[in-house]
PDB file of N, CA and C in Angstrom:
ATOM      1  N   MET A   1      41.264  79.058   9.538  1.00  0.00           N
ATOM      2  CA  MET A   1      41.159  77.856  10.317  1.00  0.00           C
ATOM      3  C   MET A   1      39.706  77.358  10.355  1.00  0.00           C
ATOM      4  N   ALA A   2      38.801  78.269  10.441  1.00  0.00           N
ATOM      5  CA  ALA A   2      37.393  77.891  10.481  1.00  0.00           C
ATOM      6  C   ALA A   2      37.002  77.216   9.165  1.00  0.00           C
ATOM      7  N   THR A   3      37.521  77.735   8.043  1.00  0.00           N
ATOM      8  CA  THR A   3      37.232  77.117   6.749  1.00  0.00           C
ATOM      9  C   THR A   3      37.831  75.721   6.683  1.00  0.00           C
ATOM     10  N   ASP A   4      39.032  75.636   7.205  1.00  0.00           N
ATOM     11  CA  ASP A   4      39.703  74.326   7.240  1.00  0.00           C
ATOM     12  C   ASP A   4      38.867  73.337   8.050  1.00  0.00           C
ATOM     13  N   LYS A   5      38.381  73.806   9.191  1.00  0.00           N
ATOM     14  CA  LYS A   5      37.578  72.963  10.081  1.00  0.00           C
ATOM     15  C   LYS A   5      36.268  72.568   9.380  1.00  0.00           C
ATOM     16  N   ALA A   6      35.642  73.499   8.698  1.00  0.00           N
ATOM     17  CA  ALA A   6      34.390  73.219   7.984  1.00  0.00           C
ATOM     18  C   ALA A   6      34.634  72.208   6.860  1.00  0.00           C
ATOM     19  N   GLU A   7      35.750  72.366   6.157  1.00  0.00           N
ATOM     20  CA  GLU A   7      36.076  71.410   5.082  1.00  0.00           C
ATOM     21  C   GLU A   7      36.347  70.021   5.653  1.00  0.00           C
ATOM     22  N   ARG A   8      37.077  69.998   6.763  1.00  0.00           N
ATOM     23  CA  ARG A   8      37.326  68.684   7.398  1.00  0.00           C
ATOM     24  C   ARG A   8      36.026  68.043   7.861  1.00  0.00           C
ATOM     25  N   ARG A   9      35.107  68.856   8.394  1.00  0.00           N
ATOM     26  CA  ARG A   9      33.814  68.338   8.845  1.00  0.00           C
ATOM     27  C   ARG A   9      33.037  67.793   7.646  1.00  0.00           C
ATOM     28  N   LYS A  10      33.027  68.530   6.548  1.00  0.00           N
ATOM     29  CA  LYS A  10      32.353  68.066   5.330  1.00  0.00           C
ATOM     30  C   LYS A  10      32.992  66.763   4.832  1.00  0.00           C
ATOM     31  N   ALA A  11      34.317  66.731   4.832  1.00  0.00           N
ATOM     32  CA  ALA A  11      35.027  65.532   4.378  1.00  0.00           C
ATOM     33  C   ALA A  11      34.707  64.354   5.302  1.00  0.00           C
ATOM     34  N   TYR A  12      34.657  64.631   6.595  1.00  0.00           N
ATOM     35  CA  TYR A  12      34.346  63.573   7.570  1.00  0.00           C
ATOM     36  C   TYR A  12      32.918  63.089   7.377  1.00  0.00           C
ATOM     37  N   GLN A  13      31.978  63.997   7.166  1.00  0.00           N
ATOM     38  CA  GLN A  13      30.588  63.617   6.921  1.00  0.00           C
ATOM     39  C   GLN A  13      30.469  62.800   5.634  1.00  0.00           C
ATOM     40  N   GLN A  14      31.197  63.218   4.596  1.00  0.00           N
ATOM     41  CA  GLN A  14      31.198  62.462   3.336  1.00  0.00           C
ATOM     42  C   GLN A  14      31.778  61.069   3.571  1.00  0.00           C
ATOM     43  N   LEU A  15      32.846  61.007   4.336  1.00  0.00           N
ATOM     44  CA  LEU A  15      33.470  59.719   4.671  1.00  0.00           C
ATOM     45  C   LEU A  15      32.478  58.832   5.426  1.00  0.00           C
ATOM     46  N   GLU A  16      31.747  59.411   6.375  1.00  0.00           N
ATOM     47  CA  GLU A  16      30.739  58.659   7.133  1.00  0.00           C
ATOM     48  C   GLU A  16      29.630  58.153   6.207  1.00  0.00           C
ATOM     49  N   ARG A  17      29.158  59.006   5.291  1.00  0.00           N
ATOM     50  CA  ARG A  17      28.129  58.585   4.333  1.00  0.00           C
ATOM     51  C   ARG A  17      28.654  57.452   3.443  1.00  0.00           C
ATOM     52  N   ASP A  18      29.882  57.626   2.964  1.00  0.00           N
ATOM     53  CA  ASP A  18      30.481  56.589   2.109  1.00  0.00           C
ATOM     54  C   ASP A  18      30.640  55.279   2.879  1.00  0.00           C
ATOM     55  N   ARG A  19      31.092  55.405   4.138  1.00  0.00           N
ATOM     56  CA  ARG A  19      31.275  54.206   4.969  1.00  0.00           C
ATOM     57  C   ARG A  19      29.935  53.515   5.216  1.00  0.00           C
ATOM     58  N   ASN A  20      28.905  54.291   5.547  1.00  0.00           N
ATOM     59  CA  ASN A  20      27.569  53.724   5.762  1.00  0.00           C
ATOM     60  C   ASN A  20      27.055  53.037   4.494  1.00  0.00           C
ATOM     61  N   GLN A  21      27.265  53.705   3.369  1.00  0.00           N
ATOM     62  CA  GLN A  21      26.847  53.123   2.096  1.00  0.00           C
ATOM     63  C   GLN A  21      27.603  51.817   1.832  1.00  0.00           C
ATOM     64  N   LEU A  22      28.896  51.827   2.117  1.00  0.00           N
ATOM     65  CA  LEU A  22      29.709  50.627   1.927  1.00  0.00           C
ATOM     66  C   LEU A  22      29.202  49.493   2.812  1.00  0.00           C
ATOM     67  N   TYR A  23      28.886  49.805   4.072  1.00  0.00           N
ATOM     68  CA  TYR A  23      28.357  48.779   4.983  1.00  0.00           C
ATOM     69  C   TYR A  23      27.006  48.251   4.493  1.00  0.00           C
ATOM     70  N   GLN A  24      26.188  49.138   3.938  1.00  0.00           N
ATOM     71  CA  GLN A  24      24.909  48.685   3.383  1.00  0.00           C
ATOM     72  C   GLN A  24      25.133  47.733   2.215  1.00  0.00           C
ATOM     73  N   TYR A  25      26.049  48.093   1.333  1.00  0.00           N
ATOM     74  CA  TYR A  25      26.361  47.211   0.193  1.00  0.00           C
ATOM     75  C   TYR A  25      26.914  45.878   0.676  1.00  0.00           C
ATOM     76  N   MET A  26      27.792  45.934   1.665  1.00  0.00           N
ATOM     77  CA  MET A  26      28.372  44.694   2.194  1.00  0.00           C
ATOM     78  C   MET A  26      27.286  43.823   2.838  1.00  0.00           C
ATOM     79  N   GLY A  27      26.335  44.481   3.524  1.00  0.00           N
ATOM     80  CA  GLY A  27      25.214  43.747   4.115  1.00  0.00           C
ATOM     81  C   GLY A  27      24.354  43.092   3.045  1.00  0.00           C
ATOM     82  N   ARG A  28      24.102  43.843   1.963  1.00  0.00           N
ATOM     83  CA  ARG A  28      23.316  43.277   0.855  1.00  0.00           C
ATOM     84  C   ARG A  28      24.043  42.110   0.203  1.00  0.00           C
ATOM     85  N   ILE A  29      25.350  42.284   0.023  1.00  0.00           N
ATOM     86  CA  ILE A  29      26.147  41.204  -0.585  1.00  0.00           C
ATOM     87  C   ILE A  29      26.129  39.973   0.307  1.00  0.00           C
ATOM     88  N   ALA A  30      26.284  40.166   1.611  1.00  0.00           N
ATOM     89  CA  ALA A  30      26.259  39.041   2.546  1.00  0.00           C
ATOM     90  C   ALA A  30      24.907  38.337   2.513  1.00  0.00           C
ATOM     91  N   ALA A  31      23.812  39.121   2.463  1.00  0.00           N
ATOM     92  CA  ALA A  31      22.471  38.531   2.398  1.00  0.00           C
ATOM     93  C   ALA A  31      22.286  37.768   1.089  1.00  0.00           C
ATOM     94  N   ALA A  32      22.749  38.381  -0.003  1.00  0.00           N
ATOM     95  CA  ALA A  32      22.633  37.710  -1.305  1.00  0.00           C
ATOM     96  C   ALA A  32      23.454  36.425  -1.324  1.00  0.00           C
ATOM     97  N   GLN A  33      24.625  36.473  -0.746  1.00  0.00           N
ATOM     98  CA  GLN A  33      25.491  35.298  -0.692  1.00  0.00           C
ATOM     99  C   GLN A  33      24.838  34.208   0.155  1.00  0.00           C
ATOM    100  N   SER A  34      24.247  34.607   1.261  1.00  0.00           N
ATOM    101  CA  SER A  34      23.545  33.655   2.120  1.00  0.00           C
ATOM    102  C   SER A  34      22.386  33.001   1.367  1.00  0.00           C
ATOM    103  N   ASN A  35      21.605  33.829   0.655  1.00  0.00           N
ATOM    104  CA  ASN A  35      20.501  33.286  -0.150  1.00  0.00           C
ATOM    105  C   ASN A  35      21.017  32.337  -1.220  1.00  0.00           C
ATOM    106  N   PHE A  36      22.128  32.699  -1.841  1.00  0.00           N
ATOM    107  CA  PHE A  36      22.716  31.839  -2.866  1.00  0.00           C
ATOM    108  C   PHE A  36      23.077  30.484  -2.275  1.00  0.00           C
ATOM    109  N   TYR A  37      23.720  30.485  -1.096  1.00  0.00           N
ATOM    110  CA  TYR A  37      24.119  29.213  -0.479  1.00  0.00           C
ATOM    111  C   TYR A  37      22.911  28.387  -0.065  1.00  0.00           C
ATOM    112  N   GLU A  38      21.843  29.061   0.371  1.00  0.00           N
ATOM    113  CA  GLU A  38      20.619  28.330   0.706  1.00  0.00           C
ATOM    114  C   GLU A  38      20.027  27.678  -0.537  1.00  0.00           C
ATOM    115  N   VAL A  39      19.983  28.446  -1.618  1.00  0.00           N
ATOM    116  CA  VAL A  39      19.448  27.910  -2.879  1.00  0.00           C
ATOM    117  C   VAL A  39      20.332  26.772  -3.373  1.00  0.00           C
ATOM    118  N   GLN A  40      21.629  26.942  -3.284  1.00  0.00           N
ATOM    119  CA  GLN A  40      22.556  25.907  -3.728  1.00  0.00           C
ATOM    120  C   GLN A  40      22.384  24.640  -2.885  1.00  0.00           C
ATOM    121  N   ALA A  41      22.254  24.799  -1.567  1.00  0.00           N
ATOM    122  CA  ALA A  41      22.053  23.641  -0.691  1.00  0.00           C
ATOM    123  C   ALA A  41      20.754  22.933  -1.032  1.00  0.00           C
ATOM    124  N   ASP A  42      19.702  23.703  -1.295  1.00  0.00           N
ATOM    125  CA  ASP A  42      18.418  23.119  -1.676  1.00  0.00           C
ATOM    126  C   ASP A  42      18.540  22.379  -3.002  1.00  0.00           C
ATOM    127  N   TYR A  43      19.273  22.971  -3.941  1.00  0.00           N
ATOM    128  CA  TYR A  43      19.489  22.341  -5.250  1.00  0.00           C
ATOM    129  C   TYR A  43      20.192  20.984  -5.092  1.00  0.00           C
ATOM    130  N   TYR A  44      21.264  20.956  -4.292  1.00  0.00           N
ATOM    131  CA  TYR A  44      21.983  19.700  -4.087  1.00  0.00           C
ATOM    132  C   TYR A  44      21.129  18.678  -3.342  1.00  0.00           C
ATOM    133  N   HIS A  45      20.292  19.161  -2.433  1.00  0.00           N
ATOM    134  CA  HIS A  45      19.378  18.252  -1.733  1.00  0.00           C
ATOM    135  C   HIS A  45      18.393  17.629  -2.727  1.00  0.00           C
ATOM    136  N   GLN A  46      17.859  18.469  -3.625  1.00  0.00           N
ATOM    137  CA  GLN A  46      16.935  17.960  -4.639  1.00  0.00           C
ATOM    138  C   GLN A  46      17.627  16.951  -5.557  1.00  0.00           C
ATOM    139  N   LEU A  47      18.863  17.236  -5.927  1.00  0.00           N
ATOM    140  CA  LEU A  47      19.617  16.286  -6.757  1.00  0.00           C
ATOM    141  C   LEU A  47      19.797  14.952  -6.045  1.00  0.00           C
ATOM    142  N   ALA A  48      20.125  15.013  -4.764  1.00  0.00           N
ATOM    143  CA  ALA A  48      20.304  13.784  -3.984  1.00  0.00           C
ATOM    144  C   ALA A  48      18.996  13.004  -3.907  1.00  0.00           C
ATOM    145  N   THR A  49      17.897  13.718  -3.694  1.00  0.00           N
ATOM    146  CA  THR A  49      16.589  13.064  -3.631  1.00  0.00           C
ATOM    147  C   THR A  49      16.247  12.406  -4.968  1.00  0.00           C
ATOM    148  N   LEU A  50      16.482  13.124  -6.045  1.00  0.00           N
ATOM    149  CA  LEU A  50      16.206  12.560  -7.378  1.00  0.00           C
ATOM    150  C   LEU A  50      17.096  11.356  -7.657  1.00  0.00           C
ATOM    151  N   SER A  51      18.335  11.426  -7.222  1.00  0.00           N
ATOM    152  CA  SER A  51      19.248  10.307  -7.414  1.00  0.00           C
ATOM    153  C   SER A  51      18.769   9.071  -6.657  1.00  0.00           C
ATOM    154  N   GLU A  52      18.290   9.282  -5.428  1.00  0.00           N
ATOM    155  CA  GLU A  52      17.754   8.169  -4.646  1.00  0.00           C
ATOM    156  C   GLU A  52      16.528   7.568  -5.320  1.00  0.00           C
ATOM    157  N   ARG A  53      15.651   8.438  -5.833  1.00  0.00           N
ATOM    158  CA  ARG A  53      14.459   7.942  -6.536  1.00  0.00           C
ATOM    159  C   ARG A  53      14.848   7.156  -7.777  1.00  0.00           C
ATOM    160  N   GLN A  54      15.824   7.670  -8.512  1.00  0.00           N
ATOM    161  CA  GLN A  54      16.257   6.971  -9.718  1.00  0.00           C
ATOM    162  C   GLN A  54      16.815   5.601  -9.361  1.00  0.00           C
ATOM    163  N   THR A  55      17.602   5.538  -8.292  1.00  0.00           N
ATOM    164  CA  THR A  55      18.149   4.256  -7.853  1.00  0.00           C
ATOM    165  C   THR A  55      17.027   3.291  -7.496  1.00  0.00           C
ATOM    166  N   THR A  56      16.012   3.790  -6.782  1.00  0.00           N
ATOM    167  CA  THR A  56      14.872   2.948  -6.408  1.00  0.00           C
ATOM    168  C   THR A  56      14.143   2.443  -7.656  1.00  0.00           C
ATOM    169  N   PHE A  57      13.908   3.352  -8.609  1.00  0.00           N
ATOM    170  CA  PHE A  57      13.233   2.946  -9.846  1.00  0.00           C
ATOM    171  C   PHE A  57      14.057   1.914 -10.610  1.00  0.00           C
ATOM    172  N   GLU A  58      15.369   2.098 -10.662  1.00  0.00           N
ATOM    173  CA  GLU A  58      16.224   1.154 -11.371  1.00  0.00           C
ATOM    174  C   GLU A  58      16.196  -0.216 -10.692  1.00  0.00           C
ATOM    175  N   GLU A  59      16.191  -0.225  -9.352  1.00  0.00           N
ATOM    176  CA  GLU A  59      16.116  -1.497  -8.626  1.00  0.00           C
ATOM    177  C   GLU A  59      14.794  -2.201  -8.911  1.00  0.00           C
ATOM    178  N   LYS A  60      13.694  -1.423  -8.919  1.00  0.00           N
ATOM    179  CA  LYS A  60      12.384  -2.005  -9.231  1.00  0.00           C
ATOM    180  C   LYS A  60      12.353  -2.526 -10.662  1.00  0.00           C
ATOM    181  N   GLN A  61      12.970  -1.777 -11.577  1.00  0.00           N
ATOM    182  CA  GLN A  61      12.988  -2.202 -12.973  1.00  0.00           C
ATOM    183  C   GLN A  61      13.754  -3.511 -13.122  1.00  0.00           C
ATOM    184  N   ILE A  62      14.884  -3.621 -12.437  1.00  0.00           N
ATOM    185  CA  ILE A  62      15.672  -4.853 -12.497  1.00  0.00           C
ATOM    186  C   ILE A  62      14.857  -6.013 -11.934  1.00  0.00           C
ATOM    187  N   SER A  63      14.179  -5.760 -10.810  1.00  0.00           N
ATOM    188  CA  SER A  63      13.340  -6.793 -10.205  1.00  0.00           C
ATOM    189  C   SER A  63      12.235  -7.235 -11.158  1.00  0.00           C
ATOM    190  N   LEU A  64      11.591  -6.273 -11.808  1.00  0.00           N
ATOM    191  CA  LEU A  64      10.530  -6.600 -12.766  1.00  0.00           C
ATOM    192  C   LEU A  64      11.078  -7.380 -13.965  1.00  0.00           C
ATOM    193  N   GLU A  65      12.261  -7.003 -14.429  1.00  0.00           N
ATOM    194  CA  GLU A  65      12.867  -7.721 -15.557  1.00  0.00           C
ATOM    195  C   GLU A  65      13.181  -9.164 -15.166  1.00  0.00           C
ATOM    196  N   GLU A  66      13.660  -9.362 -13.935  1.00  0.00           N
ATOM    197  CA  GLU A  66      13.945 -10.716 -13.466  1.00  0.00           C
ATOM    198  C   GLU A  66      12.663 -11.537 -13.385  1.00  0.00           C
ATOM    199  N   LYS A  67      11.593 -10.916 -12.863  1.00  0.00           N
ATOM    200  CA  LYS A  67      10.316 -11.622 -12.775  1.00  0.00           C
ATOM    201  C   LYS A  67       9.783 -11.945 -14.172  1.00  0.00           C
ATOM    202  N   GLN A  68       9.935 -10.998 -15.101  1.00  0.00           N
ATOM    203  CA  GLN A  68       9.467 -11.223 -16.461  1.00  0.00           C
ATOM    204  C   GLN A  68      10.242 -12.381 -17.100  1.00  0.00           C
ATOM    205  N   THR A  69      11.544 -12.425 -16.870  1.00  0.00           N
ATOM    206  CA  THR A  69      12.359 -13.508 -17.409  1.00  0.00           C
ATOM    207  C   THR A  69      11.891 -14.855 -16.859  1.00  0.00           C
ATOM    208  N   LYS A  70      11.618 -14.911 -15.548  1.00  0.00           N
ATOM    209  CA  LYS A  70      11.131 -16.153 -14.935  1.00  0.00           C
ATOM    210  C   LYS A  70       9.785 -16.558 -15.512  1.00  0.00           C
ATOM    211  N   LEU A  71       8.899 -15.556 -15.696  1.00  0.00           N
ATOM    212  CA  LEU A  71       7.585 -15.853 -16.271  1.00  0.00           C
ATOM    213  C   LEU A  71       7.708 -16.373 -17.702  1.00  0.00           C
ATOM    214  N   GLU A  72       8.608 -15.773 -18.476  1.00  0.00           N
ATOM    215  CA  GLU A  72       8.809 -16.225 -19.851  1.00  0.00           C
ATOM    216  C   GLU A  72       9.356 -17.650 -19.877  1.00  0.00           C
ATOM    217  N   GLU A  73      10.281 -17.958 -18.961  1.00  0.00           N
ATOM    218  CA  GLU A  73      10.824 -19.315 -18.880  1.00  0.00           C
ATOM    219  C   GLU A  73       9.725 -20.306 -18.509  1.00  0.00           C
ATOM    220  N   ARG A  74       8.893 -19.926 -17.539  1.00  0.00           N
ATOM    221  CA  ARG A  74       7.781 -20.791 -17.120  1.00  0.00           C
ATOM    222  C   ARG A  74       6.790 -20.975 -18.258  1.00  0.00           C
ATOM    223  N   TYR A  75       6.532 -19.914 -19.011  1.00  0.00           N
ATOM    224  CA  TYR A  75       5.622 -19.983 -20.157  1.00  0.00           C
ATOM    225  C   TYR A  75       6.148 -20.975 -21.188  1.00  0.00           C
ATOM    226  N   ILE A  76       7.442 -20.908 -21.460  1.00  0.00           N
ATOM    227  CA  ILE A  76       8.058 -21.832 -22.425  1.00  0.00           C
ATOM    228  C   ILE A  76       7.933 -23.268 -21.934  1.00  0.00           C
ATOM    229  N   GLU A  77       8.184 -23.476 -20.632  1.00  0.00           N
ATOM    230  CA  GLU A  77       8.048 -24.826 -20.059  1.00  0.00           C
ATOM    231  C   GLU A  77       6.618 -25.343 -20.221  1.00  0.00           C
ATOM    232  N   LEU A  78       5.646 -24.495 -19.924  1.00  0.00           N
ATOM    233  CA  LEU A  78       4.246 -24.904 -20.041  1.00  0.00           C
ATOM    234  C   LEU A  78       3.870 -25.181 -21.493  1.00  0.00           C
ATOM    235  N   GLN A  79       4.369 -24.368 -22.412  1.00  0.00           N
ATOM    236  CA  GLN A  79       4.107 -24.613 -23.832  1.00  0.00           C
ATOM    237  C   GLN A  79       4.682 -25.973 -24.259  1.00  0.00           C
ATOM    238  N   GLU A  80       5.868 -26.290 -23.784  1.00  0.00           N
ATOM    239  CA  GLU A  80       6.476 -27.586 -24.099  1.00  0.00           C
ATOM    240  C   GLU A  80       5.654 -28.724 -23.521  1.00  0.00           C
ATOM    241  N   LYS A  81       5.173 -28.572 -22.284  1.00  0.00           N
ATOM    242  CA  LYS A  81       4.336 -29.613 -21.671  1.00  0.00           C
ATOM    243  C   LYS A  81       3.044 -29.802 -22.459  1.00  0.00           C
ATOM    244  N   ILE A  82       2.443 -28.688 -22.860  1.00  0.00           N
ATOM    245  CA  ILE A  82       1.203 -28.763 -23.649  1.00  0.00           C
ATOM    246  C   ILE A  82       1.468 -29.486 -24.965  1.00  0.00           C
ATOM    247  N   SER A  83       2.581 -29.184 -25.612  1.00  0.00           N
ATOM    248  CA  SER A  83       2.923 -29.855 -26.873  1.00  0.00           C
ATOM    249  C   SER A  83       3.112 -31.355 -26.645  1.00  0.00           C
ATOM    250  N   GLN A  84       3.792 -31.703 -25.567  1.00  0.00           N
ATOM    251  CA  GLN A  84       4.003 -33.123 -25.255  1.00  0.00           C
ATOM    252  C   GLN A  84       2.674 -33.823 -24.986  1.00  0.00           C
ATOM    253  N   GLN A  85       1.799 -33.152 -24.224  1.00  0.00           N
ATOM    254  CA  GLN A  85       0.493 -33.754 -23.926  1.00  0.00           C
ATOM    255  C   GLN A  85      -0.340 -33.885 -25.193  1.00  0.00           C
ATOM    256  N   GLN A  86      -0.260 -32.923 -26.080  1.00  0.00           N
ATOM    257  CA  GLN A  86      -0.999 -33.015 -27.343  1.00  0.00           C
ATOM    258  C   GLN A  86      -0.477 -34.175 -28.180  1.00  0.00           C
ATOM    259  N   GLU A  87       0.839 -34.351 -28.201  1.00  0.00           N
ATOM    260  CA  GLU A  87       1.427 -35.482 -28.929  1.00  0.00           C
ATOM    261  C   GLU A  87       0.952 -36.803 -28.334  1.00  0.00           C
ATOM    262  N   HIS A  88       0.944 -36.859 -27.020  1.00  0.00           N
ATOM    263  CA  HIS A  88       0.509 -38.079 -26.334  1.00  0.00           C
ATOM    264  C   HIS A  88      -0.963 -38.369 -26.642  1.00  0.00           C
ATOM    265  N   ILE A  89      -1.793 -37.337 -26.633  1.00  0.00           N
ATOM    266  CA  ILE A  89      -3.215 -37.504 -26.951  1.00  0.00           C
ATOM    267  C   ILE A  89      -3.377 -37.979 -28.394  1.00  0.00           C
ATOM    268  N   LYS A  90      -2.591 -37.455 -29.323  1.00  0.00           N
ATOM    269  CA  LYS A  90      -2.649 -37.891 -30.722  1.00  0.00           C
ATOM    270  C   LYS A  90      -2.295 -39.365 -30.839  1.00  0.00           C
ATOM    271  N   GLN A  91      -1.278 -39.774 -30.105  1.00  0.00           N
ATOM    272  CA  GLN A  91      -0.880 -41.180 -30.132  1.00  0.00           C
ATOM    273  C   GLN A  91      -1.992 -42.067 -29.570  1.00  0.00           C
ATOM    274  N   GLN A  92      -2.591 -41.654 -28.443  1.00  0.00           N
ATOM    275  CA  GLN A  92      -3.685 -42.425 -27.849  1.00  0.00           C
ATOM    276  C   GLN A  92      -4.871 -42.482 -28.807  1.00  0.00           C
ATOM    277  N   HIS A  93      -5.152 -41.364 -29.463  1.00  0.00           N
ATOM    278  CA  HIS A  93      -6.245 -41.314 -30.424  1.00  0.00           C
ATOM    279  C   HIS A  93      -5.993 -42.294 -31.578  1.00  0.00           C
ATOM    280  N   ALA A  94      -4.747 -42.300 -32.059  1.00  0.00           N
ATOM    281  CA  ALA A  94      -4.404 -43.228 -33.150  1.00  0.00           C
ATOM    282  C   ALA A  94      -4.556 -44.675 -32.684  1.00  0.00           C
ATOM    283  N   GLU A  95      -4.145 -44.961 -31.462  1.00  0.00           N
ATOM    284  CA  GLU A  95      -4.269 -46.325 -30.923  1.00  0.00           C
ATOM    285  C   GLU A  95      -5.729 -46.725 -30.785  1.00  0.00           C
ATOM    286  N   ILE A  96      -6.573 -45.823 -30.327  1.00  0.00           N
ATOM    287  CA  ILE A  96      -8.001 -46.107 -30.170  1.00  0.00           C
ATOM    288  C   ILE A  96      -8.624 -46.374 -31.532  1.00  0.00           C
ATOM    289  N   ILE A  97      -8.244 -45.614 -32.539  1.00  0.00           N
ATOM    290  CA  ILE A  97      -8.786 -45.829 -33.890  1.00  0.00           C
ATOM    291  C   ILE A  97      -8.350 -47.188 -34.412  1.00  0.00           C
ATOM    292  N   GLU A  98      -7.079 -47.551 -34.149  1.00  0.00           N
ATOM    293  CA  GLU A  98      -6.612 -48.882 -34.581  1.00  0.00           C
ATOM    294  C   GLU A  98      -7.411 -49.981 -33.895  1.00  0.00           C
ATOM    295  N   ILE A  99      -7.667 -49.834 -32.604  1.00  0.00           N
ATOM    296  CA  ILE A  99      -8.427 -50.847 -31.859  1.00  0.00           C
ATOM    297  C   ILE A  99      -9.851 -50.932 -32.405  1.00  0.00           C
ATOM    298  N   LEU A 100     -10.464 -49.777 -32.655  1.00  0.00           N
ATOM    299  CA  LEU A 100     -11.829 -49.780 -33.196  1.00  0.00           C
ATOM    300  C   LEU A 100     -11.876 -50.428 -34.572  1.00  0.00           C
ATOM    301  N   ASN A 101     -10.895 -50.136 -35.408  1.00  0.00           N
ATOM    302  CA  ASN A 101     -10.837 -50.758 -36.731  1.00  0.00           C
ATOM    303  C   ASN A 101     -10.642 -52.266 -36.607  1.00  0.00           C
ATOM    304  N   TYR A 102      -9.813 -52.680 -35.670  1.00  0.00           N
ATOM    305  CA  TYR A 102      -9.579 -54.115 -35.461  1.00  0.00           C
ATOM    306  C   TYR A 102     -10.864 -54.802 -34.991  1.00  0.00           C
ATOM    307  N   LEU A 103     -11.550 -54.138 -34.039  1.00  0.00           N
ATOM    308  CA  LEU A 103     -12.801 -54.706 -33.542  1.00  0.00           C
ATOM    309  C   LEU A 103     -13.854 -54.779 -34.644  1.00  0.00           C
ATOM    310  N   LYS A 104     -13.875 -53.787 -35.506  1.00  0.00           N
ATOM    311  CA  LYS A 104     -14.827 -53.748 -36.600  1.00  0.00           C
ATOM    312  C   LYS A 104     -14.575 -54.893 -37.565  1.00  0.00           C
ATOM    313  N   LYS A 105     -13.295 -55.135 -37.867  1.00  0.00           N
ATOM    314  CA  LYS A 105     -12.951 -56.219 -38.785  1.00  0.00           C
ATOM    315  C   LYS A 105     -13.239 -57.579 -38.150  1.00  0.00           C
ATOM    316  N   SER A 106     -13.022 -57.673 -36.848  1.00  0.00           N
ATOM    317  CA  SER A 106     -13.237 -58.944 -36.153  1.00  0.00           C
ATOM    318  C   SER A 106     -14.719 -59.288 -36.079  1.00  0.00           C
ATOM    319  N   SER A 107     -15.546 -58.276 -35.934  1.00  0.00           N
ATOM    320  CA  SER A 107     -16.956 -58.540 -35.805  1.00  0.00           C
ATOM    321  C   SER A 107     -17.609 -58.886 -37.139  1.00  0.00           C
ATOM    322  N   ASN A 108     -16.965 -58.608 -38.246  1.00  0.00           N
ATOM    323  CA  ASN A 108     -17.525 -58.920 -39.570  1.00  0.00           C
ATOM    324  C   ASN A 108     -17.248 -60.303 -39.894  1.00  0.00           C
TER     325      ASN A 108
END
């Protein structure tokens, strides 16, 4: 009976050691899982932040493209006005030359 009792005590002590070891492993797994979820949450937060930045950059890019289009349209308008004014100046120049030639012939 004493041997039986000693064996049961050894078995119980082994069971306690195994149980303690199991609880330690479970604690480590829980801590690792917690760290994983923290890292995952941080990762998704970073993705959301990057997505917001990308949206902001895209909005700014669209705004800049619209402004560039307006500037190009205005540039074309100004180029057309300059061409018209140059044509008008050429016509006035031709008229002045005709008048000068007429005056020259009249004075002779």
